[in-house]
N, C-alpha and C. Protein backbone atom coordinates (compact mmCIF):
# COMPACT_ATOMS: atom_id res chain seq x y z
N UNK A 1 114.16 82.27 97.95
CA UNK A 1 113.13 83.05 98.52
C UNK A 1 111.75 82.67 98.33
N UNK A 2 110.95 82.70 98.81
CA UNK A 2 109.34 82.18 98.30
C UNK A 2 108.84 83.64 97.70
N UNK A 3 107.76 83.70 96.76
CA UNK A 3 107.23 84.71 95.90
C UNK A 3 106.40 85.30 96.85
N UNK A 4 106.52 86.96 96.67
CA UNK A 4 105.71 87.72 97.81
C UNK A 4 104.12 87.80 97.12
N UNK A 5 103.23 87.36 98.28
CA UNK A 5 102.03 87.20 97.95
C UNK A 5 101.20 88.45 97.64
N UNK A 6 101.58 89.56 98.08
CA UNK A 6 101.18 90.84 97.78
C UNK A 6 102.09 92.04 97.77
N UNK A 7 101.92 93.12 96.94
CA UNK A 7 102.63 94.09 97.11
C UNK A 7 101.69 95.06 97.62
N UNK A 8 102.36 96.00 98.49
CA UNK A 8 101.71 97.24 99.08
C UNK A 8 102.49 98.59 98.25
N UNK A 9 101.67 99.53 97.90
CA UNK A 9 102.12 100.63 97.31
C UNK A 9 102.45 101.54 98.19
N UNK A 10 103.45 102.45 98.20
CA UNK A 10 103.77 103.49 99.17
C UNK A 10 102.48 104.59 99.35
N UNK A 11 102.45 104.79 100.55
CA UNK A 11 101.41 105.75 100.61
C UNK A 11 102.21 107.30 100.19
N UNK A 12 101.40 108.21 99.40
CA UNK A 12 101.91 109.45 99.09
C UNK A 12 101.73 110.52 99.62
N UNK A 13 102.28 111.43 100.52
CA UNK A 13 101.98 112.65 100.85
C UNK A 13 101.22 113.58 99.77
N UNK A 14 100.47 114.42 99.96
CA UNK A 14 99.94 115.29 99.25
C UNK A 14 101.21 116.05 98.64
N UNK A 15 101.67 116.75 99.39
CA UNK A 15 103.06 117.84 99.63
C UNK A 15 104.06 116.96 98.74
N UNK A 16 104.25 115.99 98.88
CA UNK A 16 105.47 115.72 98.38
C UNK A 16 105.05 114.97 96.82
N UNK A 17 104.12 114.91 96.61
CA UNK A 17 103.11 114.43 95.26
C UNK A 17 103.34 115.58 94.47
N UNK A 18 103.24 116.93 95.30
CA UNK A 18 103.42 118.03 94.22
C UNK A 18 104.64 118.29 93.86
N UNK A 19 105.65 118.06 95.02
CA UNK A 19 107.06 118.60 94.58
C UNK A 19 107.77 117.52 93.75
N UNK A 20 107.49 115.95 93.59
CA UNK A 20 107.86 115.13 92.59
C UNK A 20 107.30 115.72 91.36
N UNK A 21 106.12 116.10 91.16
CA UNK A 21 105.63 116.77 90.06
C UNK A 21 106.27 118.06 89.43
N UNK A 22 106.78 118.66 90.42
CA UNK A 22 107.37 119.74 89.91
C UNK A 22 108.33 119.77 88.72
N UNK A 23 109.28 118.77 89.12
CA UNK A 23 110.66 118.76 88.24
C UNK A 23 110.43 118.28 86.75
N UNK A 24 109.38 117.21 86.82
CA UNK A 24 108.96 116.92 85.23
C UNK A 24 108.38 117.82 84.61
N UNK A 25 107.27 118.24 85.16
CA UNK A 25 106.53 119.76 84.80
C UNK A 25 107.52 120.65 84.22
N UNK A 26 108.44 121.06 84.88
CA UNK A 26 109.59 121.87 84.60
C UNK A 26 110.21 121.30 83.10
N UNK A 27 110.51 120.23 83.28
CA UNK A 27 111.15 119.32 82.02
C UNK A 27 110.28 119.51 80.94
N UNK A 28 108.92 119.40 80.94
CA UNK A 28 108.06 119.32 79.64
C UNK A 28 108.20 120.87 79.34
N UNK A 29 108.14 121.88 80.26
CA UNK A 29 107.90 122.95 80.06
C UNK A 29 109.44 123.62 79.17
N UNK A 30 110.29 123.67 79.48
CA UNK A 30 111.65 123.21 79.18
C UNK A 30 111.96 122.66 77.46
N UNK A 31 111.36 121.62 77.45
CA UNK A 31 111.51 121.12 75.91
C UNK A 31 110.50 121.72 74.89
N UNK A 32 109.28 122.21 75.71
CA UNK A 32 108.50 122.83 74.63
C UNK A 32 109.04 124.48 74.26
N UNK A 33 109.90 125.12 75.18
CA UNK A 33 110.38 126.21 75.04
C UNK A 33 111.56 126.18 73.75
N UNK A 34 112.46 125.13 73.91
CA UNK A 34 113.59 124.90 73.15
C UNK A 34 112.83 124.43 71.75
N UNK A 35 111.82 123.79 71.74
CA UNK A 35 111.14 123.31 70.35
C UNK A 35 110.92 124.65 69.68
N UNK A 36 110.34 125.62 70.50
CA UNK A 36 109.52 126.74 69.83
C UNK A 36 110.71 127.70 69.45
N UNK A 37 111.71 127.75 70.18
CA UNK A 37 112.85 128.41 69.89
C UNK A 37 114.03 127.90 69.00
N UNK A 38 113.93 126.54 68.66
CA UNK A 38 114.74 126.08 67.75
C UNK A 38 115.84 125.90 68.22
N UNK A 39 116.46 125.93 69.57
CA UNK A 39 117.92 125.96 69.82
C UNK A 39 117.47 125.45 71.34
N UNK A 40 118.82 124.35 71.61
CA UNK A 40 119.14 123.77 73.00
C UNK A 40 118.29 122.70 73.25
N UNK A 41 117.91 122.36 72.09
CA UNK A 41 117.05 120.95 72.20
C UNK A 41 118.02 119.58 72.91
N UNK A 42 119.01 119.58 72.53
CA UNK A 42 119.37 118.49 72.86
C UNK A 42 119.91 118.37 74.78
N UNK A 43 120.20 119.57 75.01
CA UNK A 43 120.23 120.04 76.25
C UNK A 43 119.15 119.88 77.30
N UNK A 44 117.77 120.20 76.65
CA UNK A 44 116.61 120.15 77.23
C UNK A 44 116.24 118.71 77.35
N UNK A 45 116.45 117.84 76.17
CA UNK A 45 116.34 116.53 76.34
C UNK A 45 116.78 115.74 77.35
N UNK A 46 118.35 116.10 76.98
CA UNK A 46 118.80 115.52 78.15
C UNK A 46 118.97 115.60 79.49
N UNK A 47 118.36 116.51 79.91
CA UNK A 47 117.82 116.92 81.12
C UNK A 47 116.84 116.19 81.66
N UNK A 48 115.74 116.35 80.53
CA UNK A 48 114.73 115.39 80.94
C UNK A 48 114.86 113.64 81.21
N UNK A 49 115.67 113.27 80.25
CA UNK A 49 116.44 112.00 80.22
C UNK A 49 116.84 111.50 81.62
N UNK A 50 117.89 112.54 82.00
CA UNK A 50 118.68 112.47 83.08
C UNK A 50 117.31 112.22 84.46
N UNK A 51 116.62 113.34 84.38
CA UNK A 51 115.47 113.06 85.56
C UNK A 51 114.59 111.95 85.37
N UNK A 52 114.28 111.39 84.23
CA UNK A 52 113.56 110.32 83.77
C UNK A 52 114.48 109.01 84.78
N UNK A 53 115.63 108.88 84.25
CA UNK A 53 116.67 107.73 84.79
C UNK A 53 116.78 107.84 86.34
N UNK A 54 116.78 109.12 87.26
CA UNK A 54 116.73 109.43 88.29
C UNK A 54 115.26 108.64 89.04
N UNK A 55 114.38 109.29 88.57
CA UNK A 55 112.83 108.93 89.12
C UNK A 55 112.77 107.41 88.92
N UNK A 56 113.05 106.44 87.52
CA UNK A 56 112.61 105.16 87.42
C UNK A 56 113.88 104.38 88.17
N UNK A 57 115.07 104.77 88.34
CA UNK A 57 116.07 104.30 88.70
C UNK A 57 116.06 104.04 90.27
N UNK A 58 115.60 105.35 91.00
CA UNK A 58 115.52 105.32 92.38
C UNK A 58 114.14 105.32 93.40
N UNK A 59 113.12 105.93 92.23
CA UNK A 59 111.92 106.16 92.97
C UNK A 59 110.97 105.06 92.78
N UNK A 60 110.56 105.11 91.39
CA UNK A 60 109.18 104.50 91.05
C UNK A 60 109.71 103.46 90.42
N UNK A 61 108.77 102.31 90.50
CA UNK A 61 107.74 102.08 91.98
C UNK A 61 108.29 101.84 93.30
N UNK A 62 107.83 102.50 94.07
CA UNK A 62 108.27 102.14 95.36
C UNK A 62 107.11 101.39 96.13
N UNK A 63 107.38 100.45 96.64
CA UNK A 63 106.47 99.35 97.05
C UNK A 63 107.08 98.29 97.98
N UNK A 64 106.14 97.88 98.85
CA UNK A 64 106.77 96.71 99.89
C UNK A 64 105.97 95.54 99.80
N UNK A 65 106.65 94.50 99.66
CA UNK A 65 106.48 93.11 99.59
C UNK A 65 106.58 92.37 100.49
N UNK A 66 105.53 91.06 101.16
CA UNK A 66 105.90 90.23 102.35
C UNK A 66 105.75 88.94 101.90
N UNK A 67 106.90 88.17 101.68
CA UNK A 67 107.10 86.68 101.35
C UNK A 67 106.83 85.92 102.82
N UNK A 68 107.20 84.52 102.34
CA UNK A 68 107.09 83.78 103.35
C UNK A 68 108.60 83.80 104.50
N UNK A 69 109.31 84.50 103.93
CA UNK A 69 110.59 84.69 104.38
C UNK A 69 111.20 86.20 104.59
N UNK A 70 110.75 87.13 103.86
CA UNK A 70 111.45 88.18 104.12
C UNK A 70 110.35 89.37 103.87
N UNK A 71 110.78 90.36 104.10
CA UNK A 71 110.15 91.58 103.44
C UNK A 71 110.93 92.43 102.14
N UNK A 72 110.23 92.56 101.31
CA UNK A 72 111.12 92.84 99.88
C UNK A 72 110.55 94.58 99.81
N UNK A 73 111.63 95.35 100.10
CA UNK A 73 111.37 96.83 99.90
C UNK A 73 112.04 97.12 98.56
N UNK A 74 110.84 97.61 97.53
CA UNK A 74 111.53 97.70 96.29
C UNK A 74 111.33 99.30 95.97
N UNK A 75 112.56 100.20 95.34
CA UNK A 75 112.17 101.54 95.14
C UNK A 75 113.13 101.51 94.16
N UNK A 76 112.49 101.77 92.81
CA UNK A 76 112.75 101.93 91.60
C UNK A 76 113.68 100.53 91.05
N UNK A 77 114.85 100.67 90.72
CA UNK A 77 115.93 99.65 90.33
C UNK A 77 116.38 98.73 91.59
N UNK A 78 116.09 99.43 92.94
CA UNK A 78 116.70 98.58 94.07
C UNK A 78 115.66 97.91 94.78
N UNK A 79 116.43 96.81 95.42
CA UNK A 79 115.55 95.93 96.14
C UNK A 79 116.48 95.67 97.46
N UNK A 80 115.68 95.73 98.60
CA UNK A 80 116.32 95.33 99.81
C UNK A 80 115.37 94.33 100.47
N UNK A 81 115.98 93.05 100.97
CA UNK A 81 115.41 91.84 101.39
C UNK A 81 115.50 92.25 103.17
N UNK A 82 114.58 92.16 103.98
CA UNK A 82 114.88 91.98 105.08
C UNK A 82 114.19 90.72 105.49
N UNK A 83 114.77 89.90 106.26
CA UNK A 83 114.38 88.55 106.81
C UNK A 83 113.48 88.72 107.84
N UNK A 84 112.25 87.70 107.87
CA UNK A 84 111.36 88.10 108.60
C UNK A 84 111.58 87.71 109.99
N UNK A 85 112.77 86.69 110.07
CA UNK A 85 113.20 85.99 111.34
C UNK A 85 114.09 86.78 112.11
N UNK A 86 114.56 88.40 111.21
CA UNK A 86 115.42 88.73 112.27
C UNK A 86 114.70 90.27 112.60
N UNK A 87 113.42 90.29 112.20
CA UNK A 87 112.45 91.35 112.61
C UNK A 87 112.51 91.44 114.25
N UNK A 88 112.88 92.72 114.93
CA UNK A 88 112.88 92.69 116.37
C UNK A 88 111.66 93.30 116.64
N UNK A 89 111.42 94.81 116.12
CA UNK A 89 110.41 95.74 116.15
C UNK A 89 109.66 96.38 115.03
N UNK A 90 108.35 96.81 114.98
CA UNK A 90 108.04 97.48 114.17
C UNK A 90 106.89 98.43 114.86
N UNK A 91 107.40 99.78 114.35
CA UNK A 91 106.69 100.82 115.00
C UNK A 91 106.05 101.88 114.31
N UNK A 92 105.17 102.51 114.61
CA UNK A 92 105.05 103.87 113.66
C UNK A 92 105.81 104.98 114.15
N UNK A 93 106.23 105.64 113.03
CA UNK A 93 107.12 107.10 113.07
C UNK A 93 106.82 107.86 112.33
N UNK A 94 107.12 109.04 112.62
CA UNK A 94 106.78 110.02 111.48
C UNK A 94 108.41 110.78 111.18
N UNK A 95 109.32 110.29 111.13
CA UNK A 95 110.79 110.63 111.03
C UNK A 95 111.05 111.24 109.81
N UNK A 96 111.53 112.16 109.52
CA UNK A 96 111.80 112.72 108.18
C UNK A 96 113.19 112.17 107.57
N UNK A 97 113.82 111.27 108.19
CA UNK A 97 115.14 110.73 108.00
C UNK A 97 115.14 110.37 106.24
N UNK A 98 115.95 109.95 105.59
CA UNK A 98 115.75 109.67 104.22
C UNK A 98 115.69 108.20 104.42
N UNK A 99 114.56 107.82 103.24
CA UNK A 99 113.97 106.44 103.47
C UNK A 99 113.27 105.81 102.25
N UNK A 100 112.97 104.57 101.92
CA UNK A 100 112.32 104.39 100.74
C UNK A 100 110.69 104.44 101.03
N UNK A 101 110.44 105.99 101.34
CA UNK A 101 108.76 106.17 101.66
C UNK A 101 108.25 107.35 101.05
N UNK A 102 107.26 107.65 100.54
CA UNK A 102 106.70 108.56 99.96
C UNK A 102 105.99 109.43 100.68
N UNK A 103 105.92 109.16 102.31
CA UNK A 103 105.31 109.68 103.16
C UNK A 103 105.78 109.89 104.32
N UNK A 104 105.44 110.63 105.47
CA UNK A 104 105.96 110.88 106.70
C UNK A 104 104.98 109.84 107.69
N UNK A 105 104.48 109.24 107.21
CA UNK A 105 103.13 108.15 108.06
C UNK A 105 104.20 106.82 107.77
N UNK A 106 105.04 106.63 108.56
CA UNK A 106 105.74 105.51 108.22
C UNK A 106 105.98 104.56 109.42
N UNK A 107 106.45 103.21 109.21
CA UNK A 107 106.78 102.36 110.17
C UNK A 107 108.33 102.18 110.09
N UNK A 108 108.73 102.02 111.16
CA UNK A 108 110.21 101.71 111.34
C UNK A 108 110.57 100.30 111.89
N UNK A 109 111.21 99.62 110.84
CA UNK A 109 111.39 98.23 111.08
C UNK A 109 112.60 98.12 111.44
N UNK A 110 112.74 97.40 112.97
CA UNK A 110 114.24 97.20 113.47
C UNK A 110 114.84 95.84 113.44
N UNK A 111 115.48 95.42 112.57
CA UNK A 111 115.95 94.01 112.46
C UNK A 111 117.19 93.76 112.77
N UNK A 112 118.27 94.46 113.85
CA UNK A 112 118.89 94.05 114.52
C UNK A 112 119.48 95.66 115.21
N UNK A 113 120.85 95.41 115.91
CA UNK A 113 121.38 96.65 116.56
C UNK A 113 122.20 97.42 115.78
N UNK A 114 121.86 98.83 115.65
CA UNK A 114 122.57 99.55 115.17
C UNK A 114 121.70 100.39 114.00
N UNK A 115 122.44 101.57 113.28
CA UNK A 115 121.51 102.53 112.82
C UNK A 115 121.26 102.04 111.23
N UNK A 116 122.30 100.77 110.88
CA UNK A 116 121.92 100.27 109.82
C UNK A 116 121.14 98.89 109.60
N UNK A 117 120.53 98.51 110.82
CA UNK A 117 119.87 97.59 110.75
C UNK A 117 118.65 98.07 110.77
N UNK A 118 117.92 98.94 110.22
CA UNK A 118 116.76 99.56 110.65
C UNK A 118 116.32 100.10 109.12
N UNK A 119 115.09 100.13 108.77
CA UNK A 119 114.47 100.49 107.62
C UNK A 119 112.75 101.18 107.85
N UNK A 120 112.92 102.39 107.05
CA UNK A 120 111.54 103.04 107.36
C UNK A 120 110.66 102.91 105.75
N UNK A 121 109.51 102.51 106.01
CA UNK A 121 108.67 102.42 104.84
C UNK A 121 107.14 103.08 105.17
N UNK A 122 106.46 103.55 104.14
CA UNK A 122 105.14 103.90 104.21
C UNK A 122 104.21 103.33 103.21
N UNK A 123 103.70 101.79 103.94
CA UNK A 123 102.64 101.08 102.81
C UNK A 123 101.41 102.13 103.03
N UNK A 124 100.57 102.06 102.13
CA UNK A 124 99.40 102.81 101.80
C UNK A 124 98.24 102.11 102.90
N UNK A 125 98.24 101.11 102.83
CA UNK A 125 97.36 100.04 103.68
C UNK A 125 98.28 99.39 105.04
N UNK A 126 98.50 100.42 105.77
CA UNK A 126 99.52 100.21 106.85
C UNK A 126 99.06 99.17 107.81
N UNK A 127 97.54 98.80 108.51
CA UNK A 127 96.99 97.97 109.05
C UNK A 127 97.07 96.78 108.27
N UNK A 128 96.36 96.55 107.13
CA UNK A 128 96.71 95.34 106.44
C UNK A 128 98.22 94.73 106.24
N UNK A 129 98.83 95.40 106.09
CA UNK A 129 100.56 95.17 106.11
C UNK A 129 100.76 94.79 107.25
N UNK A 130 100.66 95.26 108.44
CA UNK A 130 100.89 95.13 109.77
C UNK A 130 100.55 93.80 110.24
N UNK A 131 99.17 93.26 109.87
CA UNK A 131 98.44 92.11 110.04
C UNK A 131 99.13 90.96 109.38
N UNK A 132 99.37 91.41 108.06
CA UNK A 132 100.18 90.19 107.32
C UNK A 132 101.71 90.05 108.01
N UNK A 133 102.34 90.85 108.36
CA UNK A 133 103.49 91.04 108.64
C UNK A 133 103.47 90.16 110.17
N UNK A 134 102.78 90.47 110.92
CA UNK A 134 102.59 89.82 112.11
C UNK A 134 102.53 88.24 112.04
N UNK A 135 101.30 87.79 111.23
CA UNK A 135 101.08 86.46 111.20
C UNK A 135 102.13 85.80 110.30
N UNK A 136 103.05 86.58 109.60
CA UNK A 136 104.29 85.50 108.69
C UNK A 136 105.16 85.61 109.59
N UNK A 137 105.55 86.69 109.97
CA UNK A 137 107.05 86.84 111.13
C UNK A 137 106.72 86.28 112.49
N UNK A 138 105.49 85.86 112.88
CA UNK A 138 105.43 85.45 114.32
C UNK A 138 105.54 86.68 115.41
N UNK A 139 105.08 87.91 114.93
CA UNK A 139 105.27 88.83 115.87
C UNK A 139 104.16 89.24 116.64
N UNK A 140 103.75 89.58 117.81
CA UNK A 140 102.86 90.09 118.40
C UNK A 140 102.61 91.46 118.46
N UNK A 141 101.37 91.79 118.73
CA UNK A 141 100.91 93.15 118.84
C UNK A 141 101.25 93.62 120.15
N UNK A 142 101.56 95.16 120.66
CA UNK A 142 102.06 95.36 121.70
C UNK A 142 101.52 97.17 121.39
N UNK A 143 100.27 97.20 121.51
CA UNK A 143 99.67 98.69 121.34
C UNK A 143 99.50 99.15 119.74
N UNK A 144 100.38 100.06 119.52
CA UNK A 144 100.62 100.21 118.05
C UNK A 144 101.74 99.73 117.34
N UNK A 145 102.41 98.71 117.85
CA UNK A 145 103.74 98.32 117.54
C UNK A 145 103.70 96.73 117.25
N UNK A 146 104.61 96.17 116.64
CA UNK A 146 104.81 94.65 116.54
C UNK A 146 105.98 94.58 117.03
N UNK A 147 106.23 93.54 118.09
CA UNK A 147 107.29 93.02 118.88
C UNK A 147 107.60 91.36 118.54
N UNK A 148 108.80 91.23 118.73
CA UNK A 148 109.19 89.75 118.74
C UNK A 148 109.04 89.01 120.01
N UNK A 149 108.18 88.03 119.99
CA UNK A 149 107.67 87.70 121.63
C UNK A 149 109.43 86.79 122.26
N UNK A 150 109.73 87.11 123.40
CA UNK A 150 110.88 86.89 124.10
C UNK A 150 110.94 85.31 123.89
N UNK A 151 112.12 84.69 123.44
CA UNK A 151 112.44 83.14 123.38
C UNK A 151 112.27 82.64 124.87
N UNK A 152 111.84 81.29 124.94
CA UNK A 152 111.87 80.90 126.08
C UNK A 152 112.66 79.61 126.39
């Protein structure tokens, strides 16, 4: 696969940013309290380490890249490649279903038939992402969505 020319970070909704900050803040407080008490340090550090593994393994960094052949969706250590040639439609959505997106201002990418042939992402610069994707994938604008032109 060719190199990604540009990475687009995920947009982060303010309320989700607060929710994501609560758990690490609680870990810091827990470690501080256990240091002051002198007991339970292992459990507090273990909990903080477990949370760090979850955040770094599944959440951060959350970004999306476009190469000459695919969209690369990266969240934590996970990478998903969506071949550009398979993309049928890209449309805006506010679906709250689980996805590698830190905002409800999302793009639904359909790259086949069925539930598992779709992804939802939330690039911070959505319009620039759509413009680059349209140019690289040969998709056409149809209102606020991108579609694959019918084969002739």
